[in-house]
Amino acid sequence: IDGRKLELDAENEQSANKWFNALQHRCENIEMITSIRRKKDDHYALKLHQ
């Protein structure tokens, strides 16, 4: 087995993992933001109903 190919595979795997983690992080942030917005909307809705 070629050692350089293994190194390249390892690098590709690392960058794929970084990309995946970044994507996951972004999704979590979006979920967090939408849930915060939802809470604010609920808060306004409650104020309107009172």
PDB file of N, CA and C in Angstrom:
ATOM      1  N   ILE A   1       0.852  -1.197   0.000  1.00  0.00           N
ATOM      2  CA  ILE A   1       0.000   0.000   0.000  1.00  0.00           C
ATOM      3  C   ILE A   1       0.885   1.243   0.000  1.00  0.00           C
ATOM      4  N   ASP A   2       0.523   2.195  -0.812  1.00  0.00           N
ATOM      5  CA  ASP A   2       1.301   3.427  -0.910  1.00  0.00           C
ATOM      6  C   ASP A   2       1.074   4.303   0.323  1.00  0.00           C
ATOM      7  N   GLY A   3       2.185   4.680   0.965  1.00  0.00           N
ATOM      8  CA  GLY A   3       2.095   5.505   2.173  1.00  0.00           C
ATOM      9  C   GLY A   3       1.489   6.869   1.913  1.00  0.00           C
ATOM     10  N   ARG A   4       1.807   7.428   0.734  1.00  0.00           N
ATOM     11  CA  ARG A   4       1.281   8.764   0.427  1.00  0.00           C
ATOM     12  C   ARG A   4      -0.229   8.734   0.253  1.00  0.00           C
ATOM     13  N   LYS A   5      -0.711   7.636  -0.340  1.00  0.00           N
ATOM     14  CA  LYS A   5      -2.160   7.533  -0.524  1.00  0.00           C
ATOM     15  C   LYS A   5      -2.853   7.492   0.837  1.00  0.00           C
ATOM     16  N   LEU A   6      -2.258   6.754   1.776  1.00  0.00           N
ATOM     17  CA  LEU A   6      -2.833   6.691   3.120  1.00  0.00           C
ATOM     18  C   LEU A   6      -2.876   8.081   3.755  1.00  0.00           C
ATOM     19  N   GLU A   7      -1.792   8.843   3.574  1.00  0.00           N
ATOM     20  CA  GLU A   7      -1.757  10.200   4.125  1.00  0.00           C
ATOM     21  C   GLU A   7      -2.850  11.064   3.510  1.00  0.00           C
ATOM     22  N   LEU A   8      -3.005  10.947   2.190  1.00  0.00           N
ATOM     23  CA  LEU A   8      -4.037  11.719   1.502  1.00  0.00           C
ATOM     24  C   LEU A   8      -5.419  11.326   2.007  1.00  0.00           C
ATOM     25  N   ASP A   9      -5.648  10.023   2.158  1.00  0.00           N
ATOM     26  CA  ASP A   9      -6.936   9.553   2.658  1.00  0.00           C
ATOM     27  C   ASP A   9      -7.202  10.122   4.047  1.00  0.00           C
ATOM     28  N   ALA A  10      -6.166  10.118   4.884  1.00  0.00           N
ATOM     29  CA  ALA A  10      -6.315  10.645   6.241  1.00  0.00           C
ATOM     30  C   ALA A  10      -6.649  12.132   6.199  1.00  0.00           C
ATOM     31  N   GLU A  11      -5.975  12.867   5.315  1.00  0.00           N
ATOM     32  CA  GLU A  11      -6.244  14.304   5.192  1.00  0.00           C
ATOM     33  C   GLU A  11      -7.663  14.547   4.700  1.00  0.00           C
ATOM     34  N   ASN A  12      -8.069  13.770   3.707  1.00  0.00           N
ATOM     35  CA  ASN A  12      -9.424  13.914   3.175  1.00  0.00           C
ATOM     36  C   ASN A  12     -10.456  13.621   4.251  1.00  0.00           C
ATOM     37  N   GLU A  13     -10.174  12.588   5.044  1.00  0.00           N
ATOM     38  CA  GLU A  13     -11.106  12.220   6.106  1.00  0.00           C
ATOM     39  C   GLU A  13     -11.191  13.338   7.138  1.00  0.00           C
ATOM     40  N   GLN A  14     -10.043  13.925   7.466  1.00  0.00           N
ATOM     41  CA  GLN A  14     -10.020  15.026   8.434  1.00  0.00           C
ATOM     42  C   GLN A  14     -10.818  16.217   7.932  1.00  0.00           C
ATOM     43  N   SER A  15     -10.601  16.584   6.674  1.00  0.00           N
ATOM     44  CA  SER A  15     -11.310  17.744   6.150  1.00  0.00           C
ATOM     45  C   SER A  15     -12.802  17.438   6.020  1.00  0.00           C
ATOM     46  N   ALA A  16     -13.139  16.203   5.702  1.00  0.00           N
ATOM     47  CA  ALA A  16     -14.546  15.819   5.637  1.00  0.00           C
ATOM     48  C   ALA A  16     -15.178  15.920   7.021  1.00  0.00           C
ATOM     49  N   ASN A  17     -14.425  15.488   8.034  1.00  0.00           N
ATOM     50  CA  ASN A  17     -14.929  15.586   9.404  1.00  0.00           C
ATOM     51  C   ASN A  17     -15.110  17.037   9.822  1.00  0.00           C
ATOM     52  N   LYS A  18     -14.141  17.883   9.472  1.00  0.00           N
ATOM     53  CA  LYS A  18     -14.238  19.310   9.797  1.00  0.00           C
ATOM     54  C   LYS A  18     -15.473  19.901   9.140  1.00  0.00           C
ATOM     55  N   TRP A  19     -15.656  19.571   7.865  1.00  0.00           N
ATOM     56  CA  TRP A  19     -16.797  20.085   7.111  1.00  0.00           C
ATOM     57  C   TRP A  19     -18.102  19.629   7.753  1.00  0.00           C
ATOM     58  N   PHE A  20     -18.145  18.340   8.119  1.00  0.00           N
ATOM     59  CA  PHE A  20     -19.343  17.778   8.728  1.00  0.00           C
ATOM     60  C   PHE A  20     -19.627  18.447  10.066  1.00  0.00           C
ATOM     61  N   ASN A  21     -18.578  18.640  10.869  1.00  0.00           N
ATOM     62  CA  ASN A  21     -18.749  19.293  12.171  1.00  0.00           C
ATOM     63  C   ASN A  21     -19.251  20.719  12.006  1.00  0.00           C
ATOM     64  N   ALA A  22     -18.695  21.426  11.029  1.00  0.00           N
ATOM     65  CA  ALA A  22     -19.118  22.803  10.781  1.00  0.00           C
ATOM     66  C   ALA A  22     -20.585  22.832  10.376  1.00  0.00           C
ATOM     67  N   LEU A  23     -20.958  21.906   9.525  1.00  0.00           N
ATOM     68  CA  LEU A  23     -22.338  21.819   9.064  1.00  0.00           C
ATOM     69  C   LEU A  23     -23.267  21.530  10.236  1.00  0.00           C
ATOM     70  N   GLN A  24     -22.872  20.571  11.066  1.00  0.00           N
ATOM     71  CA  GLN A  24     -23.672  20.197  12.224  1.00  0.00           C
ATOM     72  C   GLN A  24     -23.810  21.390  13.164  1.00  0.00           C
ATOM     73  N   HIS A  25     -22.717  22.100  13.368  1.00  0.00           N
ATOM     74  CA  HIS A  25     -22.699  23.262  14.249  1.00  0.00           C
ATOM     75  C   HIS A  25     -23.665  24.320  13.727  1.00  0.00           C
ATOM     76  N   ARG A  26     -23.641  24.508  12.403  1.00  0.00           N
ATOM     77  CA  ARG A  26     -24.515  25.500  11.783  1.00  0.00           C
ATOM     78  C   ARG A  26     -25.980  25.116  11.967  1.00  0.00           C
ATOM     79  N   CYS A  27     -26.265  23.837  11.789  1.00  0.00           N
ATOM     80  CA  CYS A  27     -27.636  23.362  11.965  1.00  0.00           C
ATOM     81  C   CYS A  27     -28.094  23.592  13.399  1.00  0.00           C
ATOM     82  N   GLU A  28     -27.213  23.301  14.362  1.00  0.00           N
ATOM     83  CA  GLU A  28     -27.554  23.516  15.766  1.00  0.00           C
ATOM     84  C   GLU A  28     -27.822  24.992  16.030  1.00  0.00           C
ATOM     85  N   ASN A  29     -27.002  25.859  15.458  1.00  0.00           N
ATOM     86  CA  ASN A  29     -27.194  27.298  15.643  1.00  0.00           C
ATOM     87  C   ASN A  29     -28.532  27.739  15.077  1.00  0.00           C
ATOM     88  N   ILE A  30     -28.866  27.235  13.891  1.00  0.00           N
ATOM     89  CA  ILE A  30     -30.134  27.596  13.260  1.00  0.00           C
ATOM     90  C   ILE A  30     -31.296  27.123  14.128  1.00  0.00           C
ATOM     91  N   GLU A  31     -31.189  25.891  14.647  1.00  0.00           N
ATOM     92  CA  GLU A  31     -32.239  25.377  15.527  1.00  0.00           C
ATOM     93  C   GLU A  31     -32.374  26.248  16.765  1.00  0.00           C
ATOM     94  N   MET A  32     -31.239  26.643  17.329  1.00  0.00           N
ATOM     95  CA  MET A  32     -31.247  27.467  18.532  1.00  0.00           C
ATOM     96  C   MET A  32     -31.920  28.805  18.246  1.00  0.00           C
ATOM     97  N   ILE A  33     -31.536  29.423  17.125  1.00  0.00           N
ATOM     98  CA  ILE A  33     -32.090  30.724  16.757  1.00  0.00           C
ATOM     99  C   ILE A  33     -33.595  30.612  16.525  1.00  0.00           C
ATOM    100  N   THR A  34     -34.023  29.572  15.824  1.00  0.00           N
ATOM    101  CA  THR A  34     -35.455  29.439  15.549  1.00  0.00           C
ATOM    102  C   THR A  34     -36.227  29.191  16.836  1.00  0.00           C
ATOM    103  N   SER A  35     -35.643  28.419  17.768  1.00  0.00           N
ATOM    104  CA  SER A  35     -36.356  28.167  19.022  1.00  0.00           C
ATOM    105  C   SER A  35     -36.427  29.447  19.855  1.00  0.00           C
ATOM    106  N   ILE A  36     -35.365  30.264  19.812  1.00  0.00           N
ATOM    107  CA  ILE A  36     -35.395  31.548  20.524  1.00  0.00           C
ATOM    108  C   ILE A  36     -36.463  32.439  19.903  1.00  0.00           C
ATOM    109  N   ARG A  37     -36.504  32.489  18.579  1.00  0.00           N
ATOM    110  CA  ARG A  37     -37.519  33.293  17.892  1.00  0.00           C
ATOM    111  C   ARG A  37     -38.908  32.816  18.269  1.00  0.00           C
ATOM    112  N   ARG A  38     -39.068  31.487  18.323  1.00  0.00           N
ATOM    113  CA  ARG A  38     -40.370  30.923  18.647  1.00  0.00           C
ATOM    114  C   ARG A  38     -40.786  31.349  20.054  1.00  0.00           C
ATOM    115  N   LYS A  39     -39.811  31.316  20.978  1.00  0.00           N
ATOM    116  CA  LYS A  39     -40.110  31.731  22.351  1.00  0.00           C
ATOM    117  C   LYS A  39     -40.543  33.187  22.375  1.00  0.00           C
ATOM    118  N   LYS A  40     -39.850  34.032  21.609  1.00  0.00           N
ATOM    119  CA  LYS A  40     -40.216  35.445  21.553  1.00  0.00           C
ATOM    120  C   LYS A  40     -41.621  35.590  20.983  1.00  0.00           C
ATOM    121  N   ASP A  41     -41.907  34.853  19.919  1.00  0.00           N
ATOM    122  CA  ASP A  41     -43.227  34.918  19.300  1.00  0.00           C
ATOM    123  C   ASP A  41     -44.295  34.481  20.292  1.00  0.00           C
ATOM    124  N   ASP A  42     -44.009  33.408  21.047  1.00  0.00           N
ATOM    125  CA  ASP A  42     -44.954  32.937  22.058  1.00  0.00           C
ATOM    126  C   ASP A  42     -45.176  34.029  23.096  1.00  0.00           C
ATOM    127  N   HIS A  43     -44.107  34.697  23.467  1.00  0.00           N
ATOM    128  CA  HIS A  43     -44.176  35.757  24.471  1.00  0.00           C
ATOM    129  C   HIS A  43     -45.091  36.879  23.972  1.00  0.00           C
ATOM    130  N   TYR A  44     -44.909  37.289  22.710  1.00  0.00           N
ATOM    131  CA  TYR A  44     -45.744  38.341  22.142  1.00  0.00           C
ATOM    132  C   TYR A  44     -47.189  37.873  22.042  1.00  0.00           C
ATOM    133  N   ALA A  45     -47.379  36.622  21.663  1.00  0.00           N
ATOM    134  CA  ALA A  45     -48.726  36.071  21.538  1.00  0.00           C
ATOM    135  C   ALA A  45     -49.423  36.104  22.892  1.00  0.00           C
ATOM    136  N   LEU A  46     -48.698  35.734  23.942  1.00  0.00           N
ATOM    137  CA  LEU A  46     -49.272  35.763  25.288  1.00  0.00           C
ATOM    138  C   LEU A  46     -49.645  37.190  25.679  1.00  0.00           C
ATOM    139  N   LYS A  47     -48.790  38.147  25.353  1.00  0.00           N
ATOM    140  CA  LYS A  47     -49.073  39.545  25.681  1.00  0.00           C
ATOM    141  C   LYS A  47     -50.329  40.007  24.954  1.00  0.00           C
ATOM    142  N   LEU A  48     -50.478  39.605  23.705  1.00  0.00           N
ATOM    143  CA  LEU A  48     -51.643  40.009  22.920  1.00  0.00           C
ATOM    144  C   LEU A  48     -52.919  39.437  23.514  1.00  0.00           C
ATOM    145  N   HIS A  49     -52.840  38.211  24.008  1.00  0.00           N
ATOM    146  CA  HIS A  49     -54.034  37.549  24.535  1.00  0.00           C
ATOM    147  C   HIS A  49     -54.457  38.118  25.882  1.00  0.00           C
ATOM    148  N   GLN A  50     -53.512  38.693  26.616  1.00  0.00           N
ATOM    149  CA  GLN A  50     -53.864  39.208  27.947  1.00  0.00           C
ATOM    150  C   GLN A  50     -54.722  40.464  27.852  1.00  0.00           C
TER     151      GLN A  50
END
